[in-house]
Amino acid sequence: MSFRPDISFYMPGHNGRVGPGTPLWEMPLSGKHTADSSFQNPCDPFTVGEYFLAAQNFLITDNGEMLCRAVRSLAETDGRIQSLAISLEKHGAFYHPLKITIATQNCSCLHLVLNGAVKEPGLGLIKTEYQLLSSMALTVVPSFIPRVFGAGEVMLHGRKVAFFLGEWFAGFCEFHVTRTPGENQVAVWQDDDTQMVIPWHHAVRIYEKTAYVLTAYYDIHTGHAIYPWHHAAGDFVVATETLQTGDVRLITIRGTAPVVERASDTSASGAHLLSRLLFYFLNLTLRMRVDRLDGTGPMVFLPQIVLDATIKGVLTALNHRANGFLGAGTEEPPVPEDICPVFVDFVKGFSQAQLKDIMENLVDAWHPNPAEAALVRENIYSHCSRIYRVLKNA
């Protein structure tokens, strides 16, 4: 049976379908108009319409087998796909994500994401990210990352477009610090383009869970952590219906690496394990406090309450891993049962000045941009003091 669902295309903020002959269809994918948008010049951008057609060609390849496999996995049904609604959601630094809404005979609708890249570095990254998401899918149970269902390339006017198909976290939205009267607050970017501003005593759960998720995937035996990531990039999303519990997902994994090169020593000794964990922990506490106003504005250093939440999230995740509440039960060797109290005692063995020196060196290894580096260094003394006090009293 041939795969011929009804396929329609949409753009957020635009009512109705987008199709050939409409201004949006002919607009360059970058959103920046040029005098000549033909494809004779290899530097010319793809149009929105061309990108939609490339996505359509990818999705219907092999009679839609990849889509059907995703439906079977997510809905546990063999319902025939009746229609696809393809919406170009945004333009990221690497990908142009498309939201795929699937209507089947046996359920109302399912949502998938189709990440696509049309130029470097996205073309080089997309295969790596797909492999990372695939390989890490079962390392943490319950999972906090999207399932993926296939990847590949299509050619369009002699140019390559790379895609991978994954799970869309319906009901989850980006969040960023935003400027409000009195003090900055956290805003959740809802699907209807409005922002829900939430108080810090609720937002703090989001940051605690973010630290928890990153620590759930941290390789305690090699020091490898998910990296790079950034709040400003919208790498984490939160469920809008359960904001007070901070139900968070990580939607992208661009790489994994030790925080510093010497942490790549895979010695199984307790001292090496704790040293690597210390580098990871201190580095994470700094990165968790850096965002941009509204995602793209000036750099901001988040308040101390975020640091407290980060510490709690890390220690909770370590404790859960040690006691079998996280993971698929396949860690070899297993996480030591006493890792949490042993790590806290290990950190207590450092003076405040020593911790500050370590963090200064971590910032040097981090290579942030000048604005980010200046912001972190301006706050590093008070940041370190707070870590010292919290763990001394733990």
Protein backbone atom coordinates (compact mmCIF):
# COMPACT_ATOMS: atom_id res chain seq x y z
CA MET A 1 0.00 0.00 0.00
CA SER A 2 1.46 3.36 -1.02
CA PHE A 3 2.10 6.00 1.62
CA ARG A 4 0.05 9.04 0.64
CA PRO A 5 -1.11 11.02 3.68
CA ASP A 6 -2.42 14.54 3.31
CA ILE A 7 0.57 16.83 3.97
CA SER A 8 0.23 20.51 4.88
CA PHE A 9 2.73 23.19 5.87
CA TYR A 10 2.48 25.93 8.50
CA MET A 11 4.41 28.79 10.07
CA PRO A 12 3.84 29.98 13.67
CA GLY A 13 1.97 33.28 13.77
CA HIS A 14 0.48 32.74 10.32
CA ASN A 15 -3.10 31.59 9.94
CA GLY A 16 -3.77 28.84 7.45
CA ARG A 17 -1.56 26.72 5.26
CA VAL A 18 1.63 27.90 3.61
CA GLY A 19 2.09 26.79 0.02
CA PRO A 20 3.73 27.50 -3.32
CA GLY A 21 3.18 31.01 -4.58
CA THR A 22 2.75 32.55 -1.11
CA PRO A 23 5.27 35.13 0.18
CA LEU A 24 6.28 32.92 3.12
CA TRP A 25 6.96 29.98 0.79
CA GLU A 26 9.43 32.06 -1.21
CA MET A 27 11.14 33.63 1.81
CA PRO A 28 14.77 32.58 2.44
CA LEU A 29 15.02 30.00 5.21
CA SER A 30 17.28 32.33 7.19
CA GLY A 31 14.45 34.89 7.19
CA LYS A 32 16.74 37.41 5.54
CA HIS A 33 15.75 38.51 2.09
CA THR A 34 18.41 38.73 -0.64
CA ALA A 35 18.31 40.33 -4.04
CA ASP A 36 18.63 36.98 -5.78
CA SER A 37 17.44 33.86 -3.97
CA SER A 38 18.08 31.46 -6.86
CA PHE A 39 20.16 28.35 -6.24
CA GLN A 40 22.74 29.09 -8.91
CA ASN A 41 25.05 30.54 -6.26
CA PRO A 42 25.98 27.85 -3.68
CA CYS A 43 26.00 30.50 -0.95
CA ASP A 44 22.35 31.40 -1.53
CA PRO A 45 19.95 30.37 1.27
CA PHE A 46 17.27 27.76 0.92
CA THR A 47 13.78 29.13 0.77
CA VAL A 48 11.19 28.09 3.33
CA GLY A 49 9.31 26.25 0.62
CA GLU A 50 12.36 24.30 -0.52
CA TYR A 51 13.07 23.31 3.07
CA PHE A 52 9.48 22.11 3.51
CA LEU A 53 9.76 20.01 0.35
CA ALA A 54 13.06 18.50 1.51
CA ALA A 55 11.41 17.55 4.81
CA GLN A 56 8.47 16.02 2.97
CA ASN A 57 10.79 13.96 0.76
CA PHE A 58 12.64 12.70 3.84
CA LEU A 59 9.46 11.73 5.69
CA ILE A 60 7.87 9.79 2.81
CA THR A 61 11.06 7.86 1.95
CA ASP A 62 10.60 4.06 2.03
CA ASN A 63 6.83 4.44 2.11
CA GLY A 64 6.99 6.37 5.38
CA GLU A 65 8.52 3.46 7.31
CA MET A 66 10.38 5.76 9.71
CA LEU A 67 7.19 7.64 10.60
CA CYS A 68 5.22 4.44 10.99
CA ARG A 69 7.91 3.04 13.29
CA ALA A 70 7.74 6.20 15.42
CA VAL A 71 3.95 5.95 15.67
CA ARG A 72 4.17 2.32 16.75
CA SER A 73 6.73 3.23 19.39
CA LEU A 74 4.93 6.25 20.83
CA ALA A 75 1.30 5.19 20.50
CA GLU A 76 1.75 1.41 20.58
CA THR A 77 -0.59 1.18 17.62
CA ASP A 78 -0.37 0.28 13.95
CA GLY A 79 -2.89 2.94 13.05
CA ARG A 80 -2.56 4.18 9.49
CA ILE A 81 -1.22 7.71 9.17
CA GLN A 82 -3.89 9.88 7.59
CA SER A 83 -2.28 13.33 7.61
CA LEU A 84 0.89 15.23 8.45
CA ALA A 85 1.00 18.88 9.52
CA ILE A 86 4.54 20.24 9.20
CA SER A 87 5.29 23.49 11.05
CA LEU A 88 8.60 25.38 10.91
CA GLU A 89 8.97 26.28 14.58
CA LYS A 90 12.18 28.32 14.80
CA HIS A 91 15.69 28.88 13.49
CA GLY A 92 18.43 27.71 15.84
CA ALA A 93 22.18 28.09 15.69
CA PHE A 94 22.50 24.62 14.11
CA TYR A 95 19.06 23.35 13.11
CA HIS A 96 15.71 24.49 11.75
CA PRO A 97 13.29 22.38 13.86
CA LEU A 98 9.98 21.28 12.36
CA LYS A 99 7.04 20.14 14.47
CA ILE A 100 5.32 17.16 12.85
CA THR A 101 1.71 16.58 13.91
CA ILE A 102 0.44 13.15 12.87
CA ALA A 103 -3.21 12.17 12.68
CA THR A 104 -3.92 8.43 12.55
CA GLN A 105 -6.99 6.26 12.38
CA ASN A 106 -6.51 5.01 15.95
CA CYS A 107 -5.61 8.15 17.88
CA SER A 108 -6.26 11.87 17.68
CA CYS A 109 -2.71 13.05 17.09
CA LEU A 110 0.97 12.50 17.85
CA HIS A 111 3.80 15.02 17.78
CA LEU A 112 7.35 14.52 16.53
CA VAL A 113 10.26 16.84 15.89
CA LEU A 114 12.24 16.81 12.65
CA ASN A 115 15.54 18.59 13.14
CA GLY A 116 17.16 19.68 9.90
CA ALA A 117 20.48 21.27 8.98
CA VAL A 118 21.37 22.94 5.68
CA LYS A 119 24.92 24.16 6.37
CA GLU A 120 27.89 23.68 8.64
CA PRO A 121 28.33 23.26 11.54
CA GLY A 122 24.82 21.82 11.71
CA LEU A 123 25.46 19.28 8.94
CA GLY A 124 28.43 17.91 10.83
CA LEU A 125 26.68 17.95 14.19
CA ILE A 126 23.40 16.32 13.29
CA LYS A 127 24.79 12.79 12.82
CA THR A 128 26.77 13.06 16.06
CA GLU A 129 23.72 14.22 18.00
CA TYR A 130 21.55 11.45 16.61
CA GLN A 131 24.13 8.85 17.64
CA LEU A 132 24.44 10.33 21.13
CA LEU A 133 20.68 10.40 21.68
CA SER A 134 20.45 6.80 20.44
CA SER A 135 23.30 5.50 22.57
CA MET A 136 22.15 7.30 25.74
CA ALA A 137 18.47 6.40 25.36
CA LEU A 138 18.54 3.58 27.93
CA THR A 139 21.32 4.76 30.22
CA VAL A 140 18.86 6.59 32.49
CA VAL A 141 15.42 5.29 33.44
CA PRO A 142 13.15 7.19 33.49
CA SER A 143 14.56 9.01 30.48
CA PHE A 144 14.85 12.80 30.27
CA ILE A 145 15.91 12.97 26.61
CA PRO A 146 13.90 12.47 23.41
CA ARG A 147 13.66 9.13 21.69
CA VAL A 148 14.92 9.19 18.11
CA PHE A 149 13.64 7.16 15.19
CA GLY A 150 15.92 7.71 12.23
CA ALA A 151 18.32 10.02 10.44
CA GLY A 152 19.43 10.64 6.88
CA GLU A 153 20.05 13.09 4.08
CA VAL A 154 18.23 14.33 1.00
CA MET A 155 19.61 16.30 -1.92
CA LEU A 156 17.88 19.46 -3.08
CA HIS A 157 19.12 21.39 -6.11
CA GLY A 158 22.48 19.72 -5.66
CA ARG A 159 22.73 20.71 -2.00
CA LYS A 160 22.56 18.47 1.05
CA VAL A 161 19.91 18.68 3.78
CA ALA A 162 20.36 16.42 6.82
CA PHE A 163 17.53 15.42 9.15
CA PHE A 164 16.79 13.31 12.18
CA LEU A 165 13.36 12.41 13.53
CA GLY A 166 12.70 12.44 17.26
CA GLU A 167 10.17 12.69 20.03
CA TRP A 168 8.43 16.02 20.58
CA PHE A 169 7.78 16.80 24.24
CA ALA A 170 4.21 18.06 24.03
CA GLY A 171 3.31 20.53 26.76
CA PHE A 172 6.96 21.43 27.44
CA CYS A 173 8.25 24.95 26.77
CA GLU A 174 11.44 27.00 26.92
CA PHE A 175 12.14 29.18 29.93
CA HIS A 176 14.44 32.18 30.39
CA VAL A 177 15.06 34.90 32.89
CA THR A 178 13.21 38.10 31.94
CA ARG A 179 13.24 41.68 33.17
CA THR A 180 10.35 42.60 35.44
CA PRO A 181 9.76 45.54 37.83
CA GLY A 182 11.78 45.13 41.01
CA GLU A 183 13.85 42.11 40.04
CA ASN A 184 14.27 39.70 37.16
CA GLN A 185 11.95 36.71 37.11
CA VAL A 186 11.67 33.54 35.07
CA ALA A 187 9.35 33.45 32.07
CA VAL A 188 8.06 30.28 30.42
CA TRP A 189 7.53 30.71 26.68
CA GLN A 190 4.16 29.15 25.94
CA ASP A 191 3.04 27.70 22.62
CA ASP A 192 0.65 30.60 21.96
CA ASP A 193 3.62 33.04 21.95
CA THR A 194 2.74 34.43 25.38
CA GLN A 195 5.01 34.33 28.41
CA MET A 196 4.06 33.04 31.84
CA VAL A 197 6.14 34.82 34.50
CA ILE A 198 6.61 32.70 37.61
CA PRO A 199 8.04 33.61 41.03
CA TRP A 200 11.46 32.36 42.05
CA HIS A 201 10.13 30.05 44.75
CA HIS A 202 8.41 28.11 41.95
CA ALA A 203 11.12 28.58 39.32
CA VAL A 204 13.76 27.18 41.65
CA ARG A 205 12.36 23.68 41.11
CA ILE A 206 13.12 23.99 37.39
CA TYR A 207 16.80 24.64 38.07
CA GLU A 208 17.00 21.92 40.67
CA LYS A 209 15.61 19.41 38.18
CA THR A 210 17.93 20.67 35.44
CA ALA A 211 20.95 19.96 37.64
CA TYR A 212 19.40 16.59 38.53
CA VAL A 213 19.02 15.64 34.85
CA LEU A 214 22.58 16.59 33.92
CA THR A 215 23.93 14.62 36.89
CA ALA A 216 21.77 11.63 35.98
CA TYR A 217 23.69 11.42 32.69
CA TYR A 218 27.11 12.28 34.13
CA ASP A 219 29.60 9.40 33.76
CA ILE A 220 30.98 9.17 37.25
CA HIS A 221 33.73 6.74 36.19
CA THR A 222 35.22 8.78 33.32
CA GLY A 223 34.18 12.33 34.18
CA HIS A 224 32.32 12.78 30.89
CA ALA A 225 29.36 15.14 31.12
CA ILE A 226 26.84 16.44 28.60
CA TYR A 227 28.50 19.44 26.98
CA PRO A 228 27.98 21.97 25.47
CA TRP A 229 24.66 23.22 26.78
CA HIS A 230 23.36 26.66 27.72
CA HIS A 231 20.18 28.08 29.22
CA ALA A 232 20.16 30.78 26.53
CA ALA A 233 20.01 28.14 23.78
CA GLY A 234 16.77 26.68 25.14
CA ASP A 235 18.34 23.26 25.62
CA PHE A 236 16.01 22.49 28.54
CA VAL A 237 12.21 22.68 28.51
CA VAL A 238 9.70 22.49 31.34
CA ALA A 239 6.16 21.10 31.53
CA THR A 240 3.76 24.02 31.86
CA GLU A 241 1.12 21.97 33.69
CA THR A 242 3.51 20.92 36.48
CA LEU A 243 5.67 24.01 36.98
CA GLN A 244 5.76 23.67 40.74
CA THR A 245 7.41 20.23 40.47
CA GLY A 246 9.90 21.30 37.80
CA ASP A 247 9.24 18.52 35.29
CA VAL A 248 12.21 19.14 32.96
CA ARG A 249 13.48 17.53 29.74
CA LEU A 250 16.75 17.97 27.85
CA ILE A 251 15.95 18.24 24.14
CA THR A 252 19.46 18.15 22.66
CA ILE A 253 22.83 16.49 23.28
CA ARG A 254 25.52 18.09 21.13
CA GLY A 255 28.40 16.27 22.80
CA THR A 256 29.94 14.81 25.93
CA ALA A 257 33.36 15.60 27.39
CA PRO A 258 35.26 15.75 30.69
CA VAL A 259 35.15 19.18 32.31
CA VAL A 260 38.95 19.40 32.13
CA GLU A 261 41.37 17.21 30.22
CA ARG A 262 43.04 15.73 33.26
CA ALA A 263 39.62 14.51 34.37
CA SER A 264 39.70 12.06 31.47
CA ASP A 265 41.99 9.79 33.54
CA THR A 266 39.79 6.74 33.96
CA SER A 267 41.50 5.45 37.06
CA ALA A 268 39.01 3.67 39.27
CA SER A 269 40.55 4.97 42.48
CA GLY A 270 38.27 6.86 44.81
CA ALA A 271 40.50 9.95 44.73
CA HIS A 272 40.29 10.25 40.94
CA LEU A 273 36.54 9.65 40.98
CA LEU A 274 36.00 12.35 43.59
CA SER A 275 38.32 14.81 41.88
CA ARG A 276 36.51 14.41 38.57
CA LEU A 277 33.18 14.81 40.35
CA LEU A 278 34.41 17.97 42.06
CA PHE A 279 35.38 19.53 38.72
CA TYR A 280 32.01 18.61 37.28
CA PHE A 281 30.11 19.92 40.30
CA LEU A 282 31.87 23.28 40.57
CA ASN A 283 31.68 23.85 36.82
CA LEU A 284 27.97 23.03 36.80
CA THR A 285 27.20 25.44 39.64
CA LEU A 286 28.69 28.30 37.61
CA ARG A 287 27.09 27.40 34.29
CA MET A 288 23.67 26.99 35.88
CA ARG A 289 23.68 30.65 36.87
CA VAL A 290 24.38 32.05 33.39
CA ASP A 291 21.54 32.96 31.03
CA ARG A 292 20.58 35.75 28.66
CA LEU A 293 17.61 38.01 29.26
CA ASP A 294 14.78 36.56 27.17
CA GLY A 295 17.22 34.09 25.63
CA THR A 296 19.01 36.54 23.33
CA GLY A 297 19.59 39.68 25.42
CA PRO A 298 22.40 40.69 27.78
CA MET A 299 24.13 38.06 29.92
CA VAL A 300 22.78 37.72 33.45
CA PHE A 301 23.97 35.85 36.54
CA LEU A 302 21.02 34.14 38.18
CA PRO A 303 20.33 34.66 41.89
CA GLN A 304 21.74 32.64 44.76
CA ILE A 305 18.56 30.60 45.04
CA VAL A 306 19.54 28.92 41.74
CA LEU A 307 22.89 27.88 43.25
CA ASP A 308 21.15 26.33 46.25
CA ALA A 309 18.81 24.47 43.88
CA THR A 310 21.76 23.25 41.79
CA ILE A 311 23.53 21.81 44.81
CA LYS A 312 20.35 20.05 45.90
CA GLY A 313 19.75 18.68 42.39
CA VAL A 314 23.26 17.26 42.08
CA LEU A 315 23.26 15.61 45.50
CA THR A 316 19.77 14.18 45.01
CA ALA A 317 20.75 12.65 41.66
CA LEU A 318 23.92 11.12 43.13
CA ASN A 319 21.93 9.65 45.99
CA HIS A 320 19.28 8.27 43.63
CA ARG A 321 21.90 6.69 41.38
CA ALA A 322 23.66 5.09 44.34
CA ASN A 323 20.39 3.62 45.58
CA GLY A 324 19.11 2.37 42.23
CA PHE A 325 16.38 4.97 41.73
CA LEU A 326 18.00 6.15 38.48
CA GLY A 327 19.50 4.21 35.61
CA ALA A 328 18.79 0.97 33.86
CA GLY A 329 20.77 -1.04 36.37
CA THR A 330 23.62 -1.52 33.91
CA GLU A 331 26.33 0.75 35.34
CA GLU A 332 29.64 -1.08 35.52
CA PRO A 333 31.13 -0.66 38.01
CA PRO A 334 28.10 0.54 39.96
CA VAL A 335 27.99 3.92 41.65
CA PRO A 336 29.27 3.56 45.23
CA GLU A 337 26.39 3.44 47.69
CA ASP A 338 27.97 6.10 49.90
CA ILE A 339 28.98 8.45 47.06
CA CYS A 340 26.84 11.36 48.28
CA PRO A 341 28.14 11.69 51.88
CA VAL A 342 31.68 10.79 50.80
CA PHE A 343 31.63 13.51 48.15
CA VAL A 344 30.29 16.13 50.59
CA ASP A 345 33.04 15.22 53.07
CA PHE A 346 35.60 15.42 50.25
CA VAL A 347 34.52 18.96 49.37
CA LYS A 348 34.58 19.96 53.03
CA GLY A 349 38.28 19.12 53.03
CA PHE A 350 38.99 22.14 50.82
CA SER A 351 39.26 25.68 52.12
CA GLN A 352 37.14 28.41 50.59
CA ALA A 353 40.25 29.86 48.95
CA GLN A 354 41.12 26.49 47.40
CA LEU A 355 37.63 26.09 45.97
CA LYS A 356 37.84 29.58 44.50
CA ASP A 357 41.20 28.78 42.87
CA ILE A 358 39.73 25.64 41.31
CA MET A 359 36.78 27.58 39.93
CA GLU A 360 39.06 30.28 38.52
CA ASN A 361 40.94 27.57 36.64
CA LEU A 362 37.69 26.04 35.45
CA VAL A 363 36.63 29.37 33.97
CA ASP A 364 39.95 29.52 32.11
CA ALA A 365 39.31 26.02 30.71
CA TRP A 366 35.70 26.91 29.91
CA HIS A 367 36.70 29.61 27.38
CA PRO A 368 33.50 31.62 27.70
CA ASN A 369 33.02 34.72 25.56
CA PRO A 370 34.37 37.95 27.12
CA ALA A 371 30.99 39.12 28.42
CA GLU A 372 30.29 35.74 30.00
CA ALA A 373 33.77 35.51 31.52
CA ALA A 374 33.52 38.99 33.03
CA LEU A 375 30.10 38.22 34.49
CA VAL A 376 31.26 34.96 36.07
CA ARG A 377 34.46 36.43 37.49
CA GLU A 378 32.54 39.35 38.97
CA ASN A 379 30.39 36.94 40.98
CA ILE A 380 32.77 34.06 41.63
CA TYR A 381 33.80 35.08 45.16
CA SER A 382 30.24 35.27 46.53
CA HIS A 383 29.34 32.15 44.56
CA CYS A 384 32.21 30.20 46.11
CA SER A 385 31.39 31.50 49.59
CA ARG A 386 27.85 30.22 49.30
CA ILE A 387 28.96 26.74 48.17
CA TYR A 388 31.37 26.58 51.08
CA ARG A 389 28.71 27.52 53.63
CA VAL A 390 26.04 25.19 52.24
CA LEU A 391 28.27 22.12 52.16
CA LYS A 392 29.88 22.88 55.52
CA ASN A 393 26.42 22.65 57.02
CA ALA A 394 25.38 19.59 55.00
